[in-house]
PDB file of N, CA and C in Angstrom:
ATOM      1  N   MET A   1     -10.874-185.003   2.380  1.00  0.00           N
ATOM      2  CA  MET A   1      -9.659-185.772   2.296  1.00  0.00           C
ATOM      3  C   MET A   1      -8.933-185.646   3.627  1.00  0.00           C
ATOM      4  N   ASN A   2      -8.446-186.776   4.120  1.00  0.00           N
ATOM      5  CA  ASN A   2      -7.695-186.742   5.362  1.00  0.00           C
ATOM      6  C   ASN A   2      -6.196-186.803   5.066  1.00  0.00           C
ATOM      7  N   THR A   3      -5.406-186.686   6.109  1.00  0.00           N
ATOM      8  CA  THR A   3      -3.957-186.624   5.946  1.00  0.00           C
ATOM      9  C   THR A   3      -3.393-187.873   5.290  1.00  0.00           C
ATOM     10  N   SER A   4      -3.870-189.043   5.675  1.00  0.00           N
ATOM     11  CA  SER A   4      -3.303-190.267   5.085  1.00  0.00           C
ATOM     12  C   SER A   4      -3.646-190.376   3.600  1.00  0.00           C
ATOM     13  N   GLN A   5      -4.821-189.920   3.188  1.00  0.00           N
ATOM     14  CA  GLN A   5      -5.177-189.916   1.765  1.00  0.00           C
ATOM     15  C   GLN A   5      -4.296-188.922   1.000  1.00  0.00           C
ATOM     16  N   ALA A   6      -4.047-187.770   1.597  1.00  0.00           N
ATOM     17  CA  ALA A   6      -3.185-186.779   0.949  1.00  0.00           C
ATOM     18  C   ALA A   6      -1.769-187.321   0.813  1.00  0.00           C
ATOM     19  N   LEU A   7      -1.277-187.980   1.835  1.00  0.00           N
ATOM     20  CA  LEU A   7       0.062-188.562   1.764  1.00  0.00           C
ATOM     21  C   LEU A   7       0.151-189.626   0.681  1.00  0.00           C
ATOM     22  N   GLU A   8      -0.894-190.424   0.522  1.00  0.00           N
ATOM     23  CA  GLU A   8      -0.899-191.429  -0.540  1.00  0.00           C
ATOM     24  C   GLU A   8      -0.862-190.756  -1.922  1.00  0.00           C
ATOM     25  N   ALA A   9      -1.610-189.675  -2.077  1.00  0.00           N
ATOM     26  CA  ALA A   9      -1.611-188.950  -3.354  1.00  0.00           C
ATOM     27  C   ALA A   9      -0.239-188.335  -3.623  1.00  0.00           C
ATOM     28  N   PHE A  10       0.345-187.709  -2.617  1.00  0.00           N
ATOM     29  CA  PHE A  10       1.671-187.108  -2.803  1.00  0.00           C
ATOM     30  C   PHE A  10       2.718-188.178  -3.091  1.00  0.00           C
ATOM     31  N   SER A  11       2.611-189.294  -2.413  1.00  0.00           N
ATOM     32  CA  SER A  11       3.543-190.394  -2.655  1.00  0.00           C
ATOM     33  C   SER A  11       3.417-190.890  -4.099  1.00  0.00           C
ATOM     34  N   ALA A  12       2.189-190.979  -4.580  1.00  0.00           N
ATOM     35  CA  ALA A  12       1.961-191.421  -5.956  1.00  0.00           C
ATOM     36  C   ALA A  12       2.587-190.447  -6.951  1.00  0.00           C
ATOM     37  N   LEU A  13       2.513-189.174  -6.666  1.00  0.00           N
ATOM     38  CA  LEU A  13       3.043-188.161  -7.575  1.00  0.00           C
ATOM     39  C   LEU A  13       4.552-187.948  -7.430  1.00  0.00           C
ATOM     40  N   ALA A  14       5.137-188.551  -6.395  1.00  0.00           N
ATOM     41  CA  ALA A  14       6.566-188.360  -6.120  1.00  0.00           C
ATOM     42  C   ALA A  14       7.440-189.316  -6.929  1.00  0.00           C
ATOM     43  N   HIS A  15       6.983-189.656  -8.105  1.00  0.00           N
ATOM     44  CA  HIS A  15       7.746-190.506  -9.020  1.00  0.00           C
ATOM     45  C   HIS A  15       7.624-189.889 -10.403  1.00  0.00           C
ATOM     46  N   GLU A  16       8.736-189.765 -11.102  1.00  0.00           N
ATOM     47  CA  GLU A  16       8.743-189.044 -12.374  1.00  0.00           C
ATOM     48  C   GLU A  16       7.732-189.595 -13.384  1.00  0.00           C
ATOM     49  N   THR A  17       7.682-190.898 -13.550  1.00  0.00           N
ATOM     50  CA  THR A  17       6.760-191.481 -14.537  1.00  0.00           C
ATOM     51  C   THR A  17       5.315-191.228 -14.151  1.00  0.00           C
ATOM     52  N   ARG A  18       4.994-191.431 -12.890  1.00  0.00           N
ATOM     53  CA  ARG A  18       3.604-191.211 -12.459  1.00  0.00           C
ATOM     54  C   ARG A  18       3.214-189.746 -12.585  1.00  0.00           C
ATOM     55  N   LEU A  19       4.125-188.848 -12.279  1.00  0.00           N
ATOM     56  CA  LEU A  19       3.836-187.424 -12.437  1.00  0.00           C
ATOM     57  C   LEU A  19       3.596-187.089 -13.910  1.00  0.00           C
ATOM     58  N   MET A  20       4.407-187.667 -14.800  1.00  0.00           N
ATOM     59  CA  MET A  20       4.215-187.430 -16.239  1.00  0.00           C
ATOM     60  C   MET A  20       2.865-187.987 -16.702  1.00  0.00           C
ATOM     61  N   VAL A  21       2.490-189.170 -16.218  1.00  0.00           N
ATOM     62  CA  VAL A  21       1.196-189.765 -16.579  1.00  0.00           C
ATOM     63  C   VAL A  21       0.071-188.857 -16.106  1.00  0.00           C
ATOM     64  N   PHE A  22       0.143-188.430 -14.853  1.00  0.00           N
ATOM     65  CA  PHE A  22      -0.903-187.577 -14.291  1.00  0.00           C
ATOM     66  C   PHE A  22      -1.032-186.278 -15.087  1.00  0.00           C
ATOM     67  N   LYS A  23       0.084-185.631 -15.387  1.00  0.00           N
ATOM     68  CA  LYS A  23       0.045-184.379 -16.144  1.00  0.00           C
ATOM     69  C   LYS A  23      -0.526-184.601 -17.546  1.00  0.00           C
ATOM     70  N   LEU A  24      -0.165-185.711 -18.179  1.00  0.00           N
ATOM     71  CA  LEU A  24      -0.703-186.025 -19.501  1.00  0.00           C
ATOM     72  C   LEU A  24      -2.216-186.205 -19.434  1.00  0.00           C
ATOM     73  N   LEU A  25      -2.688-186.918 -18.418  1.00  0.00           N
ATOM     74  CA  LEU A  25      -4.125-187.170 -18.315  1.00  0.00           C
ATOM     75  C   LEU A  25      -4.899-185.917 -17.929  1.00  0.00           C
ATOM     76  N   ILE A  26      -4.304-185.058 -17.116  1.00  0.00           N
ATOM     77  CA  ILE A  26      -4.947-183.768 -16.800  1.00  0.00           C
ATOM     78  C   ILE A  26      -5.099-182.967 -18.090  1.00  0.00           C
ATOM     79  N   LYS A  27      -4.046-182.944 -18.885  1.00  0.00           N
ATOM     80  CA  LYS A  27      -4.065-182.199 -20.144  1.00  0.00           C
ATOM     81  C   LYS A  27      -5.093-182.782 -21.116  1.00  0.00           C
ATOM     82  N   GLU A  28      -5.216-184.097 -21.132  1.00  0.00           N
ATOM     83  CA  GLU A  28      -6.097-184.779 -22.085  1.00  0.00           C
ATOM     84  C   GLU A  28      -7.578-184.528 -21.797  1.00  0.00           C
ATOM     85  N   GLY A  29      -7.934-184.378 -20.536  1.00  0.00           N
ATOM     86  CA  GLY A  29      -9.326-184.105 -20.189  1.00  0.00           C
ATOM     87  C   GLY A  29     -10.160-185.351 -20.020  1.00  0.00           C
ATOM     88  N   GLU A  30     -11.470-185.175 -20.107  1.00  0.00           N
ATOM     89  CA  GLU A  30     -12.432-186.231 -19.811  1.00  0.00           C
ATOM     90  C   GLU A  30     -12.328-187.461 -20.697  1.00  0.00           C
ATOM     91  N   GLN A  31     -11.989-187.295 -21.961  1.00  0.00           N
ATOM     92  CA  GLN A  31     -12.001-188.423 -22.877  1.00  0.00           C
ATOM     93  C   GLN A  31     -10.978-189.486 -22.493  1.00  0.00           C
ATOM     94  N   GLY A  32      -9.872-189.091 -21.888  1.00  0.00           N
ATOM     95  CA  GLY A  32      -8.884-190.045 -21.433  1.00  0.00           C
ATOM     96  C   GLY A  32      -8.092-190.696 -22.559  1.00  0.00           C
ATOM     97  N   LEU A  33      -7.213-191.594 -22.163  1.00  0.00           N
ATOM     98  CA  LEU A  33      -6.340-192.292 -23.104  1.00  0.00           C
ATOM     99  C   LEU A  33      -6.218-193.750 -22.701  1.00  0.00           C
ATOM    100  N   SER A  34      -5.973-194.606 -23.670  1.00  0.00           N
ATOM    101  CA  SER A  34      -5.713-196.009 -23.363  1.00  0.00           C
ATOM    102  C   SER A  34      -4.292-196.142 -22.831  1.00  0.00           C
ATOM    103  N   ALA A  35      -4.040-197.234 -22.135  1.00  0.00           N
ATOM    104  CA  ALA A  35      -2.708-197.480 -21.586  1.00  0.00           C
ATOM    105  C   ALA A  35      -1.672-197.543 -22.705  1.00  0.00           C
ATOM    106  N   GLY A  36      -2.034-198.113 -23.835  1.00  0.00           N
ATOM    107  CA  GLY A  36      -1.100-198.205 -24.951  1.00  0.00           C
ATOM    108  C   GLY A  36      -0.674-196.848 -25.469  1.00  0.00           C
ATOM    109  N   ILE A  37      -1.621-195.940 -25.580  1.00  0.00           N
ATOM    110  CA  ILE A  37      -1.303-194.591 -26.052  1.00  0.00           C
ATOM    111  C   ILE A  37      -0.451-193.859 -25.026  1.00  0.00           C
ATOM    112  N   ILE A  38      -0.796-194.007 -23.749  1.00  0.00           N
ATOM    113  CA  ILE A  38       0.007-193.373 -22.694  1.00  0.00           C
ATOM    114  C   ILE A  38       1.439-193.890 -22.764  1.00  0.00           C
ATOM    115  N   ALA A  39       1.588-195.203 -22.885  1.00  0.00           N
ATOM    116  CA  ALA A  39       2.918-195.819 -22.931  1.00  0.00           C
ATOM    117  C   ALA A  39       3.727-195.279 -24.111  1.00  0.00           C
ATOM    118  N   ARG A  40       3.091-195.187 -25.268  1.00  0.00           N
ATOM    119  CA  ARG A  40       3.795-194.683 -26.454  1.00  0.00           C
ATOM    120  C   ARG A  40       4.176-193.211 -26.303  1.00  0.00           C
ATOM    121  N   GLN A  41       3.233-192.404 -25.827  1.00  0.00           N
ATOM    122  CA  GLN A  41       3.507-190.965 -25.716  1.00  0.00           C
ATOM    123  C   GLN A  41       4.613-190.667 -24.711  1.00  0.00           C
ATOM    124  N   LEU A  42       4.708-191.485 -23.673  1.00  0.00           N
ATOM    125  CA  LEU A  42       5.699-191.227 -22.630  1.00  0.00           C
ATOM    126  C   LEU A  42       6.919-192.145 -22.726  1.00  0.00           C
ATOM    127  N   SER A  43       6.945-193.005 -23.736  1.00  0.00           N
ATOM    128  CA  SER A  43       8.041-193.965 -23.908  1.00  0.00           C
ATOM    129  C   SER A  43       8.270-194.800 -22.648  1.00  0.00           C
ATOM    130  N   VAL A  44       7.182-195.392 -22.162  1.00  0.00           N
ATOM    131  CA  VAL A  44       7.218-196.233 -20.966  1.00  0.00           C
ATOM    132  C   VAL A  44       6.816-197.642 -21.377  1.00  0.00           C
ATOM    133  N   GLN A  45       7.487-198.636 -20.824  1.00  0.00           N
ATOM    134  CA  GLN A  45       7.122-200.018 -21.099  1.00  0.00           C
ATOM    135  C   GLN A  45       5.703-200.288 -20.582  1.00  0.00           C
ATOM    136  N   PRO A  46       4.848-200.931 -21.379  1.00  0.00           N
ATOM    137  CA  PRO A  46       3.469-201.193 -20.950  1.00  0.00           C
ATOM    138  C   PRO A  46       3.379-201.930 -19.608  1.00  0.00           C
ATOM    139  N   SER A  47       4.248-202.897 -19.374  1.00  0.00           N
ATOM    140  CA  SER A  47       4.180-203.643 -18.109  1.00  0.00           C
ATOM    141  C   SER A  47       4.501-202.744 -16.918  1.00  0.00           C
ATOM    142  N   THR A  48       5.425-201.825 -17.085  1.00  0.00           N
ATOM    143  CA  THR A  48       5.760-200.873 -16.029  1.00  0.00           C
ATOM    144  C   THR A  48       4.628-199.873 -15.836  1.00  0.00           C
ATOM    145  N   LEU A  49       4.037-199.442 -16.944  1.00  0.00           N
ATOM    146  CA  LEU A  49       2.961-198.460 -16.878  1.00  0.00           C
ATOM    147  C   LEU A  49       1.771-198.986 -16.083  1.00  0.00           C
ATOM    148  N   THR A  50       1.467-200.249 -16.230  1.00  0.00           N
ATOM    149  CA  THR A  50       0.335-200.840 -15.521  1.00  0.00           C
ATOM    150  C   THR A  50       0.462-200.626 -14.017  1.00  0.00           C
ATOM    151  N   ALA A  51       1.641-200.849 -13.480  1.00  0.00           N
ATOM    152  CA  ALA A  51       1.856-200.658 -12.042  1.00  0.00           C
ATOM    153  C   ALA A  51       1.679-199.186 -11.660  1.00  0.00           C
ATOM    154  N   HIS A  52       2.186-198.286 -12.482  1.00  0.00           N
ATOM    155  CA  HIS A  52       2.051-196.852 -12.189  1.00  0.00           C
ATOM    156  C   HIS A  52       0.583-196.415 -12.239  1.00  0.00           C
ATOM    157  N   LEU A  53      -0.156-196.910 -13.208  1.00  0.00           N
ATOM    158  CA  LEU A  53      -1.584-196.573 -13.302  1.00  0.00           C
ATOM    159  C   LEU A  53      -2.331-197.064 -12.070  1.00  0.00           C
ATOM    160  N   HIS A  54      -1.993-198.245 -11.607  1.00  0.00           N
ATOM    161  CA  HIS A  54      -2.644-198.802 -10.413  1.00  0.00           C
ATOM    162  C   HIS A  54      -2.393-197.904  -9.196  1.00  0.00           C
ATOM    163  N   ILE A  55      -1.168-197.451  -9.024  1.00  0.00           N
ATOM    164  CA  ILE A  55      -0.831-196.601  -7.878  1.00  0.00           C
ATOM    165  C   ILE A  55      -1.578-195.268  -7.949  1.00  0.00           C
ATOM    166  N   LEU A  56      -1.618-194.662  -9.126  1.00  0.00           N
ATOM    167  CA  LEU A  56      -2.336-193.399  -9.289  1.00  0.00           C
ATOM    168  C   LEU A  56      -3.835-193.574  -9.062  1.00  0.00           C
ATOM    169  N   ARG A  57      -4.369-194.681  -9.513  1.00  0.00           N
ATOM    170  CA  ARG A  57      -5.802-194.944  -9.328  1.00  0.00           C
ATOM    171  C   ARG A  57      -6.128-195.156  -7.856  1.00  0.00           C
ATOM    172  N   ARG A  58      -5.285-195.945  -7.168  1.00  0.00           N
ATOM    173  CA  ARG A  58      -5.507-196.195  -5.742  1.00  0.00           C
ATOM    174  C   ARG A  58      -5.416-194.897  -4.941  1.00  0.00           C
ATOM    175  N   ALA A  59      -4.583-193.950  -5.397  1.00  0.00           N
ATOM    176  CA  ALA A  59      -4.423-192.671  -4.712  1.00  0.00           C
ATOM    177  C   ALA A  59      -5.560-191.696  -5.014  1.00  0.00           C
ATOM    178  N   GLY A  60      -6.475-192.073  -5.910  1.00  0.00           N
ATOM    179  CA  GLY A  60      -7.617-191.217  -6.221  1.00  0.00           C
ATOM    180  C   GLY A  60      -7.302-190.098  -7.196  1.00  0.00           C
ATOM    181  N   LEU A  61      -6.207-190.246  -7.961  1.00  0.00           N
ATOM    182  CA  LEU A  61      -5.814-189.192  -8.886  1.00  0.00           C
ATOM    183  C   LEU A  61      -6.220-189.469 -10.324  1.00  0.00           C
ATOM    184  N   ILE A  62      -6.439-190.731 -10.657  1.00  0.00           N
ATOM    185  CA  ILE A  62      -6.934-191.071 -11.989  1.00  0.00           C
ATOM    186  C   ILE A  62      -8.073-192.070 -11.836  1.00  0.00           C
ATOM    187  N   GLN A  63      -8.804-192.241 -12.910  1.00  0.00           N
ATOM    188  CA  GLN A  63      -9.898-193.214 -12.937  1.00  0.00           C
ATOM    189  C   GLN A  63      -9.847-193.959 -14.258  1.00  0.00           C
ATOM    190  N   SER A  64     -10.504-195.093 -14.289  1.00  0.00           N
ATOM    191  CA  SER A  64     -10.545-195.858 -15.533  1.00  0.00           C
ATOM    192  C   SER A  64     -11.995-196.159 -15.883  1.00  0.00           C
ATOM    193  N   THR A  65     -12.262-196.179 -17.177  1.00  0.00           N
ATOM    194  CA  THR A  65     -13.590-196.536 -17.665  1.00  0.00           C
ATOM    195  C   THR A  65     -13.415-197.492 -18.838  1.00  0.00           C
ATOM    196  N   ARG A  66     -14.309-198.435 -18.913  1.00  0.00           N
ATOM    197  CA  ARG A  66     -14.259-199.416 -19.996  1.00  0.00           C
ATOM    198  C   ARG A  66     -15.152-198.940 -21.139  1.00  0.00           C
ATOM    199  N   GLN A  67     -14.597-198.954 -22.343  1.00  0.00           N
ATOM    200  CA  GLN A  67     -15.364-198.674 -23.556  1.00  0.00           C
ATOM    201  C   GLN A  67     -15.168-199.873 -24.472  1.00  0.00           C
ATOM    202  N   LYS A  68     -16.170-200.739 -24.470  1.00  0.00           N
ATOM    203  CA  LYS A  68     -16.107-202.008 -25.204  1.00  0.00           C
ATOM    204  C   LYS A  68     -14.913-202.812 -24.692  1.00  0.00           C
ATOM    205  N   GLN A  69     -13.905-203.032 -25.519  1.00  0.00           N
ATOM    206  CA  GLN A  69     -12.767-203.833 -25.079  1.00  0.00           C
ATOM    207  C   GLN A  69     -11.589-202.987 -24.598  1.00  0.00           C
ATOM    208  N   LYS A  70     -11.735-201.680 -24.617  1.00  0.00           N
ATOM    209  CA  LYS A  70     -10.665-200.779 -24.211  1.00  0.00           C
ATOM    210  C   LYS A  70     -10.912-200.245 -22.807  1.00  0.00           C
ATOM    211  N   ILE A  71      -9.829-200.021 -22.092  1.00  0.00           N
ATOM    212  CA  ILE A  71      -9.904-199.307 -20.821  1.00  0.00           C
ATOM    213  C   ILE A  71      -9.239-197.957 -21.047  1.00  0.00           C
ATOM    214  N   LEU A  72      -9.981-196.909 -20.751  1.00  0.00           N
ATOM    215  CA  LEU A  72      -9.460-195.551 -20.890  1.00  0.00           C
ATOM    216  C   LEU A  72      -9.179-194.974 -19.507  1.00  0.00           C
ATOM    217  N   TYR A  73      -8.065-194.303 -19.391  1.00  0.00           N
ATOM    218  CA  TYR A  73      -7.660-193.673 -18.139  1.00  0.00           C
ATOM    219  C   TYR A  73      -7.780-192.164 -18.288  1.00  0.00           C
ATOM    220  N   SER A  74      -8.286-191.533 -17.247  1.00  0.00           N
ATOM    221  CA  SER A  74      -8.411-190.075 -17.243  1.00  0.00           C
ATOM    222  C   SER A  74      -8.139-189.574 -15.834  1.00  0.00           C
ATOM    223  N   ALA A  75      -7.835-188.297 -15.736  1.00  0.00           N
ATOM    224  CA  ALA A  75      -7.615-187.689 -14.422  1.00  0.00           C
ATOM    225  C   ALA A  75      -8.918-187.726 -13.638  1.00  0.00           C
ATOM    226  N   ASP A  76      -8.820-188.037 -12.371  1.00  0.00           N
ATOM    227  CA  ASP A  76      -9.979-187.987 -11.480  1.00  0.00           C
ATOM    228  C   ASP A  76     -10.053-186.551 -10.953  1.00  0.00           C
ATOM    229  N   ILE A  77     -10.867-185.755 -11.595  1.00  0.00           N
ATOM    230  CA  ILE A  77     -10.943-184.334 -11.262  1.00  0.00           C
ATOM    231  C   ILE A  77     -11.419-184.129  -9.831  1.00  0.00           C
ATOM    232  N   SER A  78     -12.348-184.934  -9.387  1.00  0.00           N
ATOM    233  CA  SER A  78     -12.842-184.819  -8.015  1.00  0.00           C
ATOM    234  C   SER A  78     -11.723-185.109  -7.010  1.00  0.00           C
ATOM    235  N   GLY A  79     -10.962-186.163  -7.244  1.00  0.00           N
ATOM    236  CA  GLY A  79      -9.853-186.496  -6.353  1.00  0.00           C
ATOM    237  C   GLY A  79      -8.779-185.426  -6.372  1.00  0.00           C
ATOM    238  N   THR A  80      -8.511-184.883  -7.555  1.00  0.00           N
ATOM    239  CA  THR A  80      -7.514-183.820  -7.685  1.00  0.00           C
ATOM    240  C   THR A  80      -7.988-182.570  -6.960  1.00  0.00           C
ATOM    241  N   ARG A  81      -9.249-182.252  -7.114  1.00  0.00           N
ATOM    242  CA  ARG A  81      -9.821-181.084  -6.433  1.00  0.00           C
ATOM    243  C   ARG A  81      -9.746-181.266  -4.912  1.00  0.00           C
ATOM    244  N   ASP A  82     -10.023-182.494  -4.439  1.00  0.00           N
ATOM    245  CA  ASP A  82      -9.924-182.767  -2.996  1.00  0.00           C
ATOM    246  C   ASP A  82      -8.504-182.543  -2.484  1.00  0.00           C
ATOM    247  N   LEU A  83      -7.520-182.963  -3.273  1.00  0.00           N
ATOM    248  CA  LEU A  83      -6.128-182.778  -2.866  1.00  0.00           C
ATOM    249  C   LEU A  83      -5.774-181.293  -2.814  1.00  0.00           C
ATOM    250  N   LEU A  84      -6.190-180.539  -3.811  1.00  0.00           N
ATOM    251  CA  LEU A  84      -5.936-179.100  -3.805  1.00  0.00           C
ATOM    252  C   LEU A  84      -6.638-178.415  -2.642  1.00  0.00           C
ATOM    253  N   ARG A  85      -7.855-178.843  -2.363  1.00  0.00           N
ATOM    254  CA  ARG A  85      -8.605-178.280  -1.237  1.00  0.00           C
ATOM    255  C   ARG A  85      -7.886-178.587   0.076  1.00  0.00           C
ATOM    256  N   PHE A  86      -7.378-179.826   0.212  1.00  0.00           N
ATOM    257  CA  PHE A  86      -6.640-180.217   1.405  1.00  0.00           C
ATOM    258  C   PHE A  86      -5.439-179.290   1.615  1.00  0.00           C
ATOM    259  N   LEU A  87      -4.742-178.976   0.522  1.00  0.00           N
ATOM    260  CA  LEU A  87      -3.554-178.123   0.619  1.00  0.00           C
ATOM    261  C   LEU A  87      -3.890-176.693   1.008  1.00  0.00           C
ATOM    262  N   THR A  88      -5.038-176.217   0.598  1.00  0.00           N
ATOM    263  CA  THR A  88      -5.348-174.797   0.770  1.00  0.00           C
ATOM    264  C   THR A  88      -6.440-174.510   1.789  1.00  0.00           C
ATOM    265  N   GLN A  89      -6.965-175.526   2.451  1.00  0.00           N
ATOM    266  CA  GLN A  89      -8.118-175.293   3.331  1.00  0.00           C
ATOM    267  C   GLN A  89      -7.806-174.365   4.505  1.00  0.00           C
ATOM    268  N   GLU A  90      -6.579-174.314   4.933  1.00  0.00           N
ATOM    269  CA  GLU A  90      -6.229-173.425   6.047  1.00  0.00           C
ATOM    270  C   GLU A  90      -5.336-172.288   5.577  1.00  0.00           C
ATOM    271  N   CYS A  91      -5.453-171.971   4.308  1.00  0.00           N
ATOM    272  CA  CYS A  91      -4.594-170.971   3.679  1.00  0.00           C
ATOM    273  C   CYS A  91      -4.824-169.582   4.258  1.00  0.00           C
ATOM    274  N   CYS A  92      -3.770-168.905   4.486  1.00  0.00           N
ATOM    275  CA  CYS A  92      -3.776-167.455   4.717  1.00  0.00           C
ATOM    276  C   CYS A  92      -4.336-167.025   6.062  1.00  0.00           C
ATOM    277  N   GLU A  93      -4.548-167.928   6.971  1.00  0.00           N
ATOM    278  CA  GLU A  93      -4.980-167.600   8.335  1.00  0.00           C
ATOM    279  C   GLU A  93      -6.104-166.564   8.381  1.00  0.00           C
ATOM    280  N   GLY A  94      -7.130-166.783   7.594  1.00  0.00           N
ATOM    281  CA  GLY A  94      -8.282-165.887   7.622  1.00  0.00           C
ATOM    282  C   GLY A  94      -8.133-164.644   6.764  1.00  0.00           C
ATOM    283  N   HIS A  95      -7.110-164.580   5.942  1.00  0.00           N
ATOM    284  CA  HIS A  95      -6.905-163.438   5.044  1.00  0.00           C
ATOM    285  C   HIS A  95      -6.916-163.944   3.610  1.00  0.00           C
ATOM    286  N   PRO A  96      -8.100-164.214   3.054  1.00  0.00           N
ATOM    287  CA  PRO A  96      -8.194-164.823   1.725  1.00  0.00           C
ATOM    288  C   PRO A  96      -7.566-163.994   0.615  1.00  0.00           C
ATOM    289  N   GLU A  97      -7.441-162.689   0.823  1.00  0.00           N
ATOM    290  CA  GLU A  97      -6.850-161.848  -0.216  1.00  0.00           C
ATOM    291  C   GLU A  97      -5.395-162.242  -0.497  1.00  0.00           C
ATOM    292  N   ILE A  98      -4.716-162.833   0.482  1.00  0.00           N
ATOM    293  CA  ILE A  98      -3.331-163.276   0.295  1.00  0.00           C
ATOM    294  C   ILE A  98      -3.276-164.413  -0.727  1.00  0.00           C
ATOM    295  N   CYS A  99      -4.289-165.255  -0.729  1.00  0.00           N
ATOM    296  CA  CYS A  99      -4.322-166.420  -1.614  1.00  0.00           C
ATOM    297  C   CYS A  99      -5.121-166.185  -2.890  1.00  0.00           C
ATOM    298  N   ALA A 100      -5.500-164.968  -3.171  1.00  0.00           N
ATOM    299  CA  ALA A 100      -6.359-164.690  -4.333  1.00  0.00           C
ATOM    300  C   ALA A 100      -5.733-165.184  -5.629  1.00  0.00           C
ATOM    301  N   GLU A 101      -4.448-164.961  -5.817  1.00  0.00           N
ATOM    302  CA  GLU A 101      -3.787-165.396  -7.052  1.00  0.00           C
ATOM    303  C   GLU A 101      -3.793-166.923  -7.149  1.00  0.00           C
ATOM    304  N   LEU A 102      -3.521-167.610  -6.062  1.00  0.00           N
ATOM    305  CA  LEU A 102      -3.565-169.078  -6.056  1.00  0.00           C
ATOM    306  C   LEU A 102      -4.968-169.561  -6.368  1.00  0.00           C
ATOM    307  N   SER A 103      -5.942-168.981  -5.750  1.00  0.00           N
ATOM    308  CA  SER A 103      -7.326-169.368  -5.972  1.00  0.00           C
ATOM    309  C   SER A 103      -7.734-169.157  -7.424  1.00  0.00           C
ATOM    310  N   ALA A 104      -7.317-168.049  -7.996  1.00  0.00           N
ATOM    311  CA  ALA A 104      -7.655-167.746  -9.378  1.00  0.00           C
ATOM    312  C   ALA A 104      -7.007-168.753 -10.314  1.00  0.00           C
ATOM    313  N   SER A 105      -5.773-169.149 -10.042  1.00  0.00           N
ATOM    314  CA  SER A 105      -5.096-170.111 -10.918  1.00  0.00           C
ATOM    315  C   SER A 105      -5.728-171.489 -10.815  1.00  0.00           C
ATOM    316  N   VAL A 106      -6.207-171.872  -9.660  1.00  0.00           N
ATOM    317  CA  VAL A 106      -6.885-173.157  -9.490  1.00  0.00           C
ATOM    318  C   VAL A 106      -8.229-173.140 -10.217  1.00  0.00           C
ATOM    319  N   ASN A 107      -8.890-172.004 -10.232  1.00  0.00           N
ATOM    320  CA  ASN A 107     -10.196-171.893 -10.875  1.00  0.00           C
ATOM    321  C   ASN A 107     -10.129-171.817 -12.399  1.00  0.00           C
ATOM    322  N   VAL A 108      -8.923-171.738 -12.959  1.00  0.00           N
ATOM    323  CA  VAL A 108      -8.771-171.680 -14.410  1.00  0.00           C
ATOM    324  C   VAL A 108      -9.394-172.897 -15.061  1.00  0.00           C
ATOM    325  N   CYS A 109      -9.269-174.037 -14.435  1.00  0.00           N
ATOM    326  CA  CYS A 109      -9.818-175.270 -14.995  1.00  0.00           C
ATOM    327  C   CYS A 109     -11.318-175.214 -15.008  1.00  0.00           C
TER     328      CYS A 109
END
């Protein structure tokens, strides 16, 4: 991940609704949720949610898959991992023991 991709991801997450969507989808896991369910759970208008989903998808933080006539949205674990790696790649100036707790918490997933 390069700096401009990281900035796009951070920009996408710098909005309350998008952050709530992302956290919900991270919690939900691989199976994902339809836009209608996301809208209901977060009390967001479906038309507004569509724009937020598009921004998160373009930023590489969520993905969509079609199941028959439904589109399911889920967290893009690879994109999320890339963002976390970008944040921590130069961590601790060669002293990994300083970041051990951070590393352990990231590995919980």
